[in-house]
């Protein structure tokens, strides 16, 4: 009995050290050596100050910026500590009301735009943190952003094209535009 208890205690100590100390330290060191930016949250800096992450969306509501997907997190949008979807199904009146309100906000910001609103501008992603929009969602906003900044729409459209990331490995997923990176590029744009 004593031998069994001793063996069990030694295994507990060995596995605790292996999985609780050695493995995390090894993974941390390899991540810092192999992919430092990703290991540190893929932060985006402007003028030496972190302004966001390419992995987590941010709220933009100023007409001179591109707006991202809606966020279903609370108590504030894009709260990484509360990552979740809304859990509202397609027949839920609250979802229909939220989508309608988002469409109205987009229409109010650009009343001349009569094009259909892309679905990713009015619905949240599963995590509520998506930093990307579709190229169609970016194109929908080009006229508003160009007008608010006083630059030709073609210049803004060219910036969207430059900011569009293709499919991963050439065939996985859909092309996307990172909203934070696009808005930072817009800030560097001169009329």
Protein backbone atom coordinates (compact mmCIF):
# COMPACT_ATOMS: atom_id res chain seq x y z
CA UNK A 1 0.00 0.00 0.00
CA UNK A 2 2.79 2.43 0.90
CA UNK A 3 4.62 1.56 -2.32
CA UNK A 4 1.49 2.26 -4.41
CA UNK A 5 0.95 5.59 -2.67
CA UNK A 6 4.63 6.54 -3.18
CA UNK A 7 4.50 5.59 -6.89
CA UNK A 8 1.29 7.57 -7.37
CA UNK A 9 2.77 10.61 -5.63
CA UNK A 10 5.94 10.42 -7.76
CA UNK A 11 3.84 10.20 -10.95
CA UNK A 12 1.77 13.17 -9.83
CA UNK A 13 4.91 15.23 -9.22
CA UNK A 14 6.55 14.12 -12.49
CA UNK A 15 3.47 14.82 -14.62
CA UNK A 16 2.84 18.14 -12.87
CA UNK A 17 6.39 19.25 -13.67
CA UNK A 18 6.19 17.95 -17.24
CA UNK A 19 2.78 19.34 -18.18
CA UNK A 20 2.68 22.35 -15.84
CA UNK A 21 6.24 23.64 -16.18
CA UNK A 22 8.38 22.02 -18.88
CA UNK A 23 5.77 21.96 -21.67
CA UNK A 24 4.50 25.56 -21.19
CA UNK A 25 8.07 26.90 -21.00
CA UNK A 26 9.07 24.97 -24.13
CA UNK A 27 6.03 26.17 -26.09
CA UNK A 28 6.58 29.77 -24.96
CA UNK A 29 10.25 29.72 -25.96
CA UNK A 30 9.51 28.15 -29.36
CA UNK A 31 6.69 30.64 -30.02
CA UNK A 32 8.93 33.61 -29.12
CA UNK A 33 11.69 32.28 -31.39
CA UNK A 34 9.53 31.19 -34.31
CA UNK A 35 6.64 33.65 -34.39
CA UNK A 36 7.24 36.50 -31.96
CA UNK A 37 4.51 38.80 -33.29
CA UNK A 38 1.78 36.15 -33.14
CA UNK A 39 2.93 35.01 -29.70
CA UNK A 40 2.54 38.57 -28.43
CA UNK A 41 -0.98 39.04 -29.81
CA UNK A 42 -0.21 40.36 -33.32
CA UNK A 43 -0.33 43.93 -32.07
CA UNK A 44 -0.44 46.83 -34.52
CA UNK A 45 1.57 49.90 -33.56
CA UNK A 46 1.33 53.49 -34.74
CA UNK A 47 3.91 56.02 -33.60
CA UNK A 48 5.34 53.44 -31.16
CA UNK A 49 2.00 52.88 -29.44
CA UNK A 50 -0.17 49.77 -29.69
CA UNK A 51 -3.47 50.71 -31.34
CA UNK A 52 -5.00 47.25 -31.69
CA UNK A 53 -4.49 43.71 -32.87
CA UNK A 54 -4.98 42.23 -36.33
CA UNK A 55 -6.75 39.34 -34.58
CA UNK A 56 -9.52 41.25 -32.76
CA UNK A 57 -11.98 43.69 -34.30
CA UNK A 58 -12.48 47.21 -33.04
CA UNK A 59 -15.52 49.47 -33.17
CA UNK A 60 -15.39 52.26 -35.76
CA UNK A 61 -18.35 54.59 -36.21
CA UNK A 62 -16.81 57.71 -37.74
CA UNK A 63 -17.93 58.05 -41.40
CA UNK A 64 -14.30 58.59 -42.50
CA UNK A 65 -13.44 55.02 -41.44
CA UNK A 66 -14.52 51.62 -42.67
CA UNK A 67 -16.84 49.90 -40.23
CA UNK A 68 -16.34 46.27 -39.26
CA UNK A 69 -18.72 43.48 -38.40
CA UNK A 70 -21.10 43.86 -35.52
CA UNK A 71 -19.93 42.41 -32.23
CA UNK A 72 -22.17 40.33 -29.98
CA UNK A 73 -19.89 40.60 -26.93
CA UNK A 74 -20.85 42.49 -23.81
CA UNK A 75 -20.69 44.73 -21.87
CA UNK A 76 -18.78 46.42 -24.71
CA UNK A 77 -18.15 45.50 -28.36
CA UNK A 78 -15.14 43.36 -29.22
CA UNK A 79 -14.59 42.33 -25.60
CA UNK A 80 -12.14 39.44 -25.92
CA UNK A 81 -12.92 38.35 -22.37
CA UNK A 82 -16.53 37.71 -23.35
CA UNK A 83 -16.10 36.17 -26.78
CA UNK A 84 -19.38 34.67 -27.92
CA UNK A 85 -22.08 34.84 -30.49
CA UNK A 86 -25.50 36.28 -29.79
CA UNK A 87 -27.12 32.82 -29.80
CA UNK A 88 -30.08 34.40 -31.59
CA UNK A 89 -31.57 32.20 -34.27
CA UNK A 90 -32.89 33.45 -37.61
CA UNK A 91 -36.48 33.54 -36.31
CA UNK A 92 -35.61 35.54 -33.19
CA UNK A 93 -37.26 38.99 -33.31
CA UNK A 94 -34.32 40.52 -31.40
CA UNK A 95 -31.94 39.46 -34.18
CA UNK A 96 -34.26 40.88 -36.83
CA UNK A 97 -34.49 44.16 -34.90
CA UNK A 98 -30.70 44.37 -34.49
CA UNK A 99 -30.11 43.74 -38.20
CA UNK A 100 -32.74 46.33 -39.12
CA UNK A 101 -31.09 48.90 -36.82
CA UNK A 102 -27.67 48.23 -38.36
CA UNK A 103 -29.07 48.62 -41.88
CA UNK A 104 -30.70 51.91 -40.87
CA UNK A 105 -27.39 53.16 -39.40
CA UNK A 106 -25.54 52.28 -42.61
CA UNK A 107 -28.22 53.95 -44.74
CA UNK A 108 -28.19 57.07 -42.52
CA UNK A 109 -24.40 57.34 -42.83
CA UNK A 110 -24.60 57.14 -46.64
CA UNK A 111 -28.13 57.93 -47.85
CA UNK A 112 -27.07 58.02 -51.51
CA UNK A 113 -25.96 54.37 -51.42
CA UNK A 114 -28.88 52.27 -52.66
CA UNK A 115 -26.89 49.03 -53.07
CA UNK A 116 -27.88 45.97 -51.03
CA UNK A 117 -26.10 45.92 -47.67
CA UNK A 118 -23.62 43.01 -47.43
CA UNK A 119 -24.65 40.54 -44.74
CA UNK A 120 -21.35 40.73 -42.84
CA UNK A 121 -21.98 44.41 -42.06
CA UNK A 122 -25.20 43.64 -40.20
CA UNK A 123 -24.50 40.30 -38.51
CA UNK A 124 -21.95 39.31 -35.87
CA UNK A 125 -19.45 36.53 -36.31
CA UNK A 126 -19.57 33.43 -34.10
CA UNK A 127 -16.90 34.84 -31.77
CA UNK A 128 -18.11 38.44 -31.89
CA UNK A 129 -14.48 39.48 -32.43
CA UNK A 130 -13.97 39.16 -36.20
CA UNK A 131 -11.49 41.81 -37.42
CA UNK A 132 -12.31 41.24 -41.10
CA UNK A 133 -15.00 42.18 -43.56
CA UNK A 134 -15.57 40.89 -47.06
CA UNK A 135 -14.32 42.86 -50.05
CA UNK A 136 -18.00 43.45 -50.89
CA UNK A 137 -18.57 45.02 -47.46
CA UNK A 138 -15.53 47.26 -47.97
CA UNK A 139 -16.69 48.21 -51.47
CA UNK A 140 -20.12 49.12 -50.07
CA UNK A 141 -18.45 51.73 -47.85
CA UNK A 142 -15.99 53.25 -50.35
CA UNK A 143 -18.18 56.20 -51.41
CA UNK A 144 -18.95 57.22 -47.81
CA UNK A 145 -15.31 57.04 -46.72
CA UNK A 146 -14.06 58.89 -49.83
CA UNK A 147 -16.62 61.65 -49.37
CA UNK A 148 -15.85 62.05 -45.65
CA UNK A 149 -12.12 62.28 -46.38
CA UNK A 150 -12.41 64.42 -49.50
CA UNK A 151 -10.48 61.99 -51.70
CA UNK A 152 -11.48 60.37 -54.99
CA UNK A 153 -13.33 57.04 -54.56
CA UNK A 154 -10.84 55.39 -56.94
CA UNK A 155 -8.00 56.08 -54.48
CA UNK A 156 -9.97 54.55 -51.62
CA UNK A 157 -11.01 51.59 -53.79
CA UNK A 158 -7.34 51.03 -54.74
CA UNK A 159 -6.44 51.02 -51.05
CA UNK A 160 -9.14 48.41 -50.40
CA UNK A 161 -7.72 46.27 -53.21
CA UNK A 162 -4.21 46.55 -51.73
CA UNK A 163 -5.57 45.62 -48.29
CA UNK A 164 -7.53 42.58 -49.49
CA UNK A 165 -6.01 39.31 -48.32
CA UNK A 166 -6.57 36.33 -50.59
CA UNK A 167 -7.61 32.83 -49.65
CA UNK A 168 -5.28 30.98 -47.28
CA UNK A 169 -2.99 28.66 -49.23
CA UNK A 170 -4.83 29.85 -52.33
CA UNK A 171 -7.96 27.76 -51.74
CA UNK A 172 -9.09 27.96 -48.09
CA UNK A 173 -11.72 30.46 -46.99
CA UNK A 174 -12.73 33.65 -48.74
CA UNK A 175 -10.82 36.89 -49.44
CA UNK A 176 -11.03 39.33 -46.50
CA UNK A 177 -10.09 42.87 -45.57
CA UNK A 178 -8.67 43.62 -42.11
CA UNK A 179 -10.59 46.71 -40.98
CA UNK A 180 -7.96 48.05 -38.57
CA UNK A 181 -5.13 47.77 -41.09
CA UNK A 182 -7.27 49.38 -43.81
CA UNK A 183 -8.22 52.28 -41.54
CA UNK A 184 -4.60 52.85 -40.53
CA UNK A 185 -3.65 52.88 -44.22
CA UNK A 186 -6.43 55.44 -44.80
CA UNK A 187 -4.92 57.67 -42.12
CA UNK A 188 -1.64 57.64 -44.08
CA UNK A 189 -3.49 58.53 -47.31
CA UNK A 190 -3.22 62.12 -48.46
CA UNK A 191 -5.79 63.77 -50.71
